[in-house]
Protein backbone atom coordinates (compact mmCIF):
# COMPACT_ATOMS: atom_id res chain seq x y z
CA UNK A 1 0.00 0.00 0.00
CA UNK A 2 1.35 3.43 -0.94
CA UNK A 3 1.50 6.19 1.65
CA UNK A 4 0.05 9.62 1.11
CA UNK A 5 2.28 12.64 0.85
CA UNK A 6 1.34 16.11 2.06
CA UNK A 7 1.56 18.58 -0.82
CA UNK A 8 0.75 21.76 1.09
CA UNK A 9 0.50 22.89 4.67
CA UNK A 10 -0.45 26.08 6.42
CA UNK A 11 -0.89 27.41 9.92
CA UNK A 12 -3.99 29.34 10.98
CA UNK A 13 -4.54 31.87 13.73
CA UNK A 14 -8.32 32.11 13.63
CA UNK A 15 -8.81 34.86 16.21
CA UNK A 16 -6.58 37.32 14.33
CA UNK A 17 -7.53 35.83 10.92
CA UNK A 18 -3.96 35.23 9.78
CA UNK A 19 -2.61 32.44 7.56
CA UNK A 20 1.08 31.54 7.58
CA UNK A 21 2.98 29.25 5.21
CA UNK A 22 5.75 28.91 7.81
CA UNK A 23 5.56 27.05 11.15
CA UNK A 24 3.97 29.12 13.91
CA UNK A 25 3.95 27.84 17.47
CA UNK A 26 0.47 27.57 18.95
CA UNK A 27 -1.30 28.01 15.61
CA UNK A 28 -3.53 25.36 14.03
CA UNK A 29 -1.70 23.26 11.41
CA UNK A 30 -3.60 22.09 8.33
CA UNK A 31 -2.19 19.64 5.75
CA UNK A 32 -3.55 19.22 2.23
CA UNK A 33 -3.03 16.27 -0.09
CA UNK A 34 -4.76 17.86 -3.09
CA UNK A 35 -3.64 21.11 -4.76
CA UNK A 36 -7.16 22.03 -5.90
CA UNK A 37 -8.58 21.64 -2.40
CA UNK A 38 -5.71 23.73 -1.00
CA UNK A 39 -6.31 26.56 -3.49
CA UNK A 40 -10.07 26.52 -2.87
CA UNK A 41 -9.47 26.69 0.88
CA UNK A 42 -7.14 29.69 0.45
CA UNK A 43 -9.73 31.47 -1.68
CA UNK A 44 -12.37 30.83 0.99
CA UNK A 45 -10.09 32.25 3.69
CA UNK A 46 -9.37 35.32 1.57
CA UNK A 47 -13.09 35.93 1.10
CA UNK A 48 -13.52 35.68 4.89
CA UNK A 49 -10.94 38.44 5.40
CA UNK A 50 -7.90 36.39 6.44
CA UNK A 51 -4.49 37.96 5.91
CA UNK A 52 -1.58 35.96 4.50
CA UNK A 53 2.03 36.04 5.61
PDB file of N, CA and C in Angstrom:
ATOM      1  N   UNK A   1       0.845  -1.184   0.000  1.00  0.00           N
ATOM      2  CA  UNK A   1       0.000   0.000   0.000  1.00  0.00           C
ATOM      3  C   UNK A   1       0.884   1.238   0.000  1.00  0.00           C
ATOM      4  N   UNK A   2       0.563   2.195  -0.843  1.00  0.00           N
ATOM      5  CA  UNK A   2       1.348   3.425  -0.937  1.00  0.00           C
ATOM      6  C   UNK A   2       0.877   4.424   0.104  1.00  0.00           C
ATOM      7  N   UNK A   3       1.837   5.145   0.694  1.00  0.00           N
ATOM      8  CA  UNK A   3       1.496   6.190   1.654  1.00  0.00           C
ATOM      9  C   UNK A   3       1.084   7.466   0.947  1.00  0.00           C
ATOM     10  N   UNK A   4       0.433   8.338   1.689  1.00  0.00           N
ATOM     11  CA  UNK A   4       0.046   9.624   1.114  1.00  0.00           C
ATOM     12  C   UNK A   4       1.092  10.657   1.491  1.00  0.00           C
ATOM     13  N   UNK A   5       1.279  11.605   0.633  1.00  0.00           N
ATOM     14  CA  UNK A   5       2.280  12.643   0.853  1.00  0.00           C
ATOM     15  C   UNK A   5       1.594  14.002   0.898  1.00  0.00           C
ATOM     16  N   UNK A   6       1.888  14.766   1.940  1.00  0.00           N
ATOM     17  CA  UNK A   6       1.340  16.114   2.058  1.00  0.00           C
ATOM     18  C   UNK A   6       1.950  17.003   0.986  1.00  0.00           C
ATOM     19  N   UNK A   7       1.094  17.662   0.211  1.00  0.00           N
ATOM     20  CA  UNK A   7       1.558  18.578  -0.823  1.00  0.00           C
ATOM     21  C   UNK A   7       1.692  20.000  -0.298  1.00  0.00           C
ATOM     22  N   UNK A   8       0.771  20.392   0.581  1.00  0.00           N
ATOM     23  CA  UNK A   8       0.747  21.762   1.088  1.00  0.00           C
ATOM     24  C   UNK A   8       0.401  21.738   2.568  1.00  0.00           C
ATOM     25  N   UNK A   9       0.905  22.730   3.283  1.00  0.00           N
ATOM     26  CA  UNK A   9       0.504  22.892   4.671  1.00  0.00           C
ATOM     27  C   UNK A   9       0.482  24.373   5.006  1.00  0.00           C
ATOM     28  N   UNK A  10      -0.372  24.699   5.954  1.00  0.00           N
ATOM     29  CA  UNK A  10      -0.448  26.082   6.417  1.00  0.00           C
ATOM     30  C   UNK A  10      -0.817  26.090   7.883  1.00  0.00           C
ATOM     31  N   UNK A  11      -0.569  27.217   8.508  1.00  0.00           N
ATOM     32  CA  UNK A  11      -0.893  27.412   9.917  1.00  0.00           C
ATOM     33  C   UNK A  11      -1.886  28.550  10.016  1.00  0.00           C
ATOM     34  N   UNK A  12      -2.931  28.345  10.827  1.00  0.00           N
ATOM     35  CA  UNK A  12      -3.994  29.340  10.979  1.00  0.00           C
ATOM     36  C   UNK A  12      -4.016  29.895  12.392  1.00  0.00           C
ATOM     37  N   UNK A  13      -4.238  31.190  12.473  1.00  0.00           N
ATOM     38  CA  UNK A  13      -4.539  31.865  13.735  1.00  0.00           C
ATOM     39  C   UNK A  13      -5.914  32.468  13.515  1.00  0.00           C
ATOM     40  N   UNK A  14      -6.939  31.741  13.955  1.00  0.00           N
ATOM     41  CA  UNK A  14      -8.315  32.114  13.626  1.00  0.00           C
ATOM     42  C   UNK A  14      -8.776  33.405  14.298  1.00  0.00           C
ATOM     43  N   UNK A  15      -8.344  33.657  15.513  1.00  0.00           N
ATOM     44  CA  UNK A  15      -8.808  34.859  16.213  1.00  0.00           C
ATOM     45  C   UNK A  15      -8.361  36.131  15.497  1.00  0.00           C
ATOM     46  N   UNK A  16      -7.109  36.150  15.045  1.00  0.00           N
ATOM     47  CA  UNK A  16      -6.577  37.320  14.332  1.00  0.00           C
ATOM     48  C   UNK A  16      -6.782  37.214  12.820  1.00  0.00           C
ATOM     49  N   UNK A  17      -7.296  36.075  12.359  1.00  0.00           N
ATOM     50  CA  UNK A  17      -7.526  35.830  10.925  1.00  0.00           C
ATOM     51  C   UNK A  17      -6.248  35.995  10.099  1.00  0.00           C
ATOM     52  N   UNK A  18      -5.246  35.210  10.485  1.00  0.00           N
ATOM     53  CA  UNK A  18      -3.964  35.231   9.782  1.00  0.00           C
ATOM     54  C   UNK A  18      -3.616  33.818   9.343  1.00  0.00           C
ATOM     55  N   UNK A  19      -3.090  33.701   8.118  1.00  0.00           N
ATOM     56  CA  UNK A  19      -2.614  32.439   7.563  1.00  0.00           C
ATOM     57  C   UNK A  19      -1.108  32.569   7.366  1.00  0.00           C
ATOM     58  N   UNK A  20      -0.360  31.557   7.793  1.00  0.00           N
ATOM     59  CA  UNK A  20       1.083  31.536   7.576  1.00  0.00           C
ATOM     60  C   UNK A  20       1.455  30.277   6.806  1.00  0.00           C
ATOM     61  N   UNK A  21       2.450  30.398   5.937  1.00  0.00           N
ATOM     62  CA  UNK A  21       2.976  29.247   5.213  1.00  0.00           C
ATOM     63  C   UNK A  21       4.265  28.757   5.851  1.00  0.00           C
ATOM     64  N   UNK A  22       4.579  29.293   7.034  1.00  0.00           N
ATOM     65  CA  UNK A  22       5.753  28.911   7.814  1.00  0.00           C
ATOM     66  C   UNK A  22       5.282  28.474   9.200  1.00  0.00           C
ATOM     67  N   UNK A  23       5.983  27.539   9.823  1.00  0.00           N
ATOM     68  CA  UNK A  23       5.561  27.050  11.148  1.00  0.00           C
ATOM     69  C   UNK A  23       5.394  28.176  12.163  1.00  0.00           C
ATOM     70  N   UNK A  24       4.273  28.135  12.875  1.00  0.00           N
ATOM     71  CA  UNK A  24       3.967  29.118  13.914  1.00  0.00           C
ATOM     72  C   UNK A  24       3.522  28.367  15.162  1.00  0.00           C
ATOM     73  N   UNK A  25       4.253  28.528  16.222  1.00  0.00           N
ATOM     74  CA  UNK A  25       3.952  27.837  17.469  1.00  0.00           C
ATOM     75  C   UNK A  25       2.597  28.270  18.022  1.00  0.00           C
ATOM     76  N   UNK A  26       1.784  27.290  18.373  1.00  0.00           N
ATOM     77  CA  UNK A  26       0.475  27.567  18.952  1.00  0.00           C
ATOM     78  C   UNK A  26      -0.634  27.795  17.931  1.00  0.00           C
ATOM     79  N   UNK A  27      -0.297  27.828  16.645  1.00  0.00           N
ATOM     80  CA  UNK A  27      -1.303  28.007  15.611  1.00  0.00           C
ATOM     81  C   UNK A  27      -1.786  26.641  15.135  1.00  0.00           C
ATOM     82  N   UNK A  28      -2.935  26.608  14.518  1.00  0.00           N
ATOM     83  CA  UNK A  28      -3.526  25.363  14.027  1.00  0.00           C
ATOM     84  C   UNK A  28      -2.895  24.978  12.691  1.00  0.00           C
ATOM     85  N   UNK A  29      -2.337  23.778  12.626  1.00  0.00           N
ATOM     86  CA  UNK A  29      -1.703  23.262  11.408  1.00  0.00           C
ATOM     87  C   UNK A  29      -2.722  22.501  10.572  1.00  0.00           C
ATOM     88  N   UNK A  30      -2.750  22.814   9.274  1.00  0.00           N
ATOM     89  CA  UNK A  30      -3.603  22.086   8.331  1.00  0.00           C
ATOM     90  C   UNK A  30      -2.737  21.561   7.192  1.00  0.00           C
ATOM     91  N   UNK A  31      -2.897  20.270   6.873  1.00  0.00           N
ATOM     92  CA  UNK A  31      -2.191  19.640   5.754  1.00  0.00           C
ATOM     93  C   UNK A  31      -3.181  19.342   4.640  1.00  0.00           C
ATOM     94  N   UNK A  32      -2.717  19.473   3.400  1.00  0.00           N
ATOM     95  CA  UNK A  32      -3.549  19.221   2.226  1.00  0.00           C
ATOM     96  C   UNK A  32      -2.836  18.253   1.300  1.00  0.00           C
ATOM     97  N   UNK A  33      -3.576  17.265   0.825  1.00  0.00           N
ATOM     98  CA  UNK A  33      -3.031  16.274  -0.093  1.00  0.00           C
ATOM     99  C   UNK A  33      -3.334  16.624  -1.543  1.00  0.00           C
ATOM    100  N   UNK A  34      -4.288  17.528  -1.753  1.00  0.00           N
ATOM    101  CA  UNK A  34      -4.757  17.864  -3.088  1.00  0.00           C
ATOM    102  C   UNK A  34      -4.579  19.364  -3.342  1.00  0.00           C
ATOM    103  N   UNK A  35      -3.914  19.706  -4.441  1.00  0.00           N
ATOM    104  CA  UNK A  35      -3.642  21.110  -4.761  1.00  0.00           C
ATOM    105  C   UNK A  35      -4.930  21.908  -4.970  1.00  0.00           C
ATOM    106  N   UNK A  36      -5.905  21.338  -5.653  1.00  0.00           N
ATOM    107  CA  UNK A  36      -7.162  22.033  -5.903  1.00  0.00           C
ATOM    108  C   UNK A  36      -7.897  22.357  -4.614  1.00  0.00           C
ATOM    109  N   UNK A  37      -7.919  21.412  -3.691  1.00  0.00           N
ATOM    110  CA  UNK A  37      -8.578  21.638  -2.402  1.00  0.00           C
ATOM    111  C   UNK A  37      -7.846  22.740  -1.630  1.00  0.00           C
ATOM    112  N   UNK A  38      -6.524  22.713  -1.663  1.00  0.00           N
ATOM    113  CA  UNK A  38      -5.710  23.733  -0.999  1.00  0.00           C
ATOM    114  C   UNK A  38      -6.025  25.129  -1.546  1.00  0.00           C
ATOM    115  N   UNK A  39      -6.048  25.262  -2.873  1.00  0.00           N
ATOM    116  CA  UNK A  39      -6.308  26.562  -3.487  1.00  0.00           C
ATOM    117  C   UNK A  39      -7.719  27.050  -3.181  1.00  0.00           C
ATOM    118  N   UNK A  40      -8.694  26.152  -3.205  1.00  0.00           N
ATOM    119  CA  UNK A  40     -10.067  26.520  -2.867  1.00  0.00           C
ATOM    120  C   UNK A  40     -10.179  26.983  -1.421  1.00  0.00           C
ATOM    121  N   UNK A  41      -9.458  26.311  -0.524  1.00  0.00           N
ATOM    122  CA  UNK A  41      -9.473  26.686   0.884  1.00  0.00           C
ATOM    123  C   UNK A  41      -8.863  28.078   1.072  1.00  0.00           C
ATOM    124  N   UNK A  42      -7.755  28.359   0.372  1.00  0.00           N
ATOM    125  CA  UNK A  42      -7.139  29.689   0.450  1.00  0.00           C
ATOM    126  C   UNK A  42      -8.089  30.768  -0.055  1.00  0.00           C
ATOM    127  N   UNK A  43      -8.781  30.496  -1.134  1.00  0.00           N
ATOM    128  CA  UNK A  43      -9.733  31.471  -1.676  1.00  0.00           C
ATOM    129  C   UNK A  43     -10.854  31.737  -0.672  1.00  0.00           C
ATOM    130  N   UNK A  44     -11.334  30.686  -0.030  1.00  0.00           N
ATOM    131  CA  UNK A  44     -12.374  30.832   0.987  1.00  0.00           C
ATOM    132  C   UNK A  44     -11.877  31.686   2.153  1.00  0.00           C
ATOM    133  N   UNK A  45     -10.648  31.446   2.591  1.00  0.00           N
ATOM    134  CA  UNK A  45     -10.090  32.246   3.686  1.00  0.00           C
ATOM    135  C   UNK A  45      -9.955  33.713   3.277  1.00  0.00           C
ATOM    136  N   UNK A  46      -9.515  33.956   2.059  1.00  0.00           N
ATOM    137  CA  UNK A  46      -9.366  35.324   1.570  1.00  0.00           C
ATOM    138  C   UNK A  46     -10.717  36.037   1.567  1.00  0.00           C
ATOM    139  N   UNK A  47     -11.753  35.346   1.132  1.00  0.00           N
ATOM    140  CA  UNK A  47     -13.088  35.935   1.104  1.00  0.00           C
ATOM    141  C   UNK A  47     -13.618  36.211   2.509  1.00  0.00           C
ATOM    142  N   UNK A  48     -13.124  35.475   3.491  1.00  0.00           N
ATOM    143  CA  UNK A  48     -13.517  35.683   4.887  1.00  0.00           C
ATOM    144  C   UNK A  48     -12.672  36.740   5.585  1.00  0.00           C
ATOM    145  N   UNK A  49     -11.724  37.345   4.859  1.00  0.00           N
ATOM    146  CA  UNK A  49     -10.937  38.437   5.404  1.00  0.00           C
ATOM    147  C   UNK A  49      -9.635  38.047   6.079  1.00  0.00           C
ATOM    148  N   UNK A  50      -9.185  36.804   5.870  1.00  0.00           N
ATOM    149  CA  UNK A  50      -7.903  36.392   6.444  1.00  0.00           C
ATOM    150  C   UNK A  50      -6.762  37.095   5.725  1.00  0.00           C
ATOM    151  N   UNK A  51      -5.716  37.386   6.484  1.00  0.00           N
ATOM    152  CA  UNK A  51      -4.488  37.958   5.911  1.00  0.00           C
ATOM    153  C   UNK A  51      -3.472  36.836   5.758  1.00  0.00           C
ATOM    154  N   UNK A  52      -2.583  36.985   4.794  1.00  0.00           N
ATOM    155  CA  UNK A  52      -1.578  35.959   4.499  1.00  0.00           C
ATOM    156  C   UNK A  52      -0.190  36.506   4.770  1.00  0.00           C
ATOM    157  N   UNK A  53       0.636  35.643   5.371  1.00  0.00           N
ATOM    158  CA  UNK A  53       2.030  36.037   5.606  1.00  0.00           C
ATOM    159  C   UNK A  53       2.957  34.908   5.262  1.00  0.00           C
TER     160      UNK A  53
END
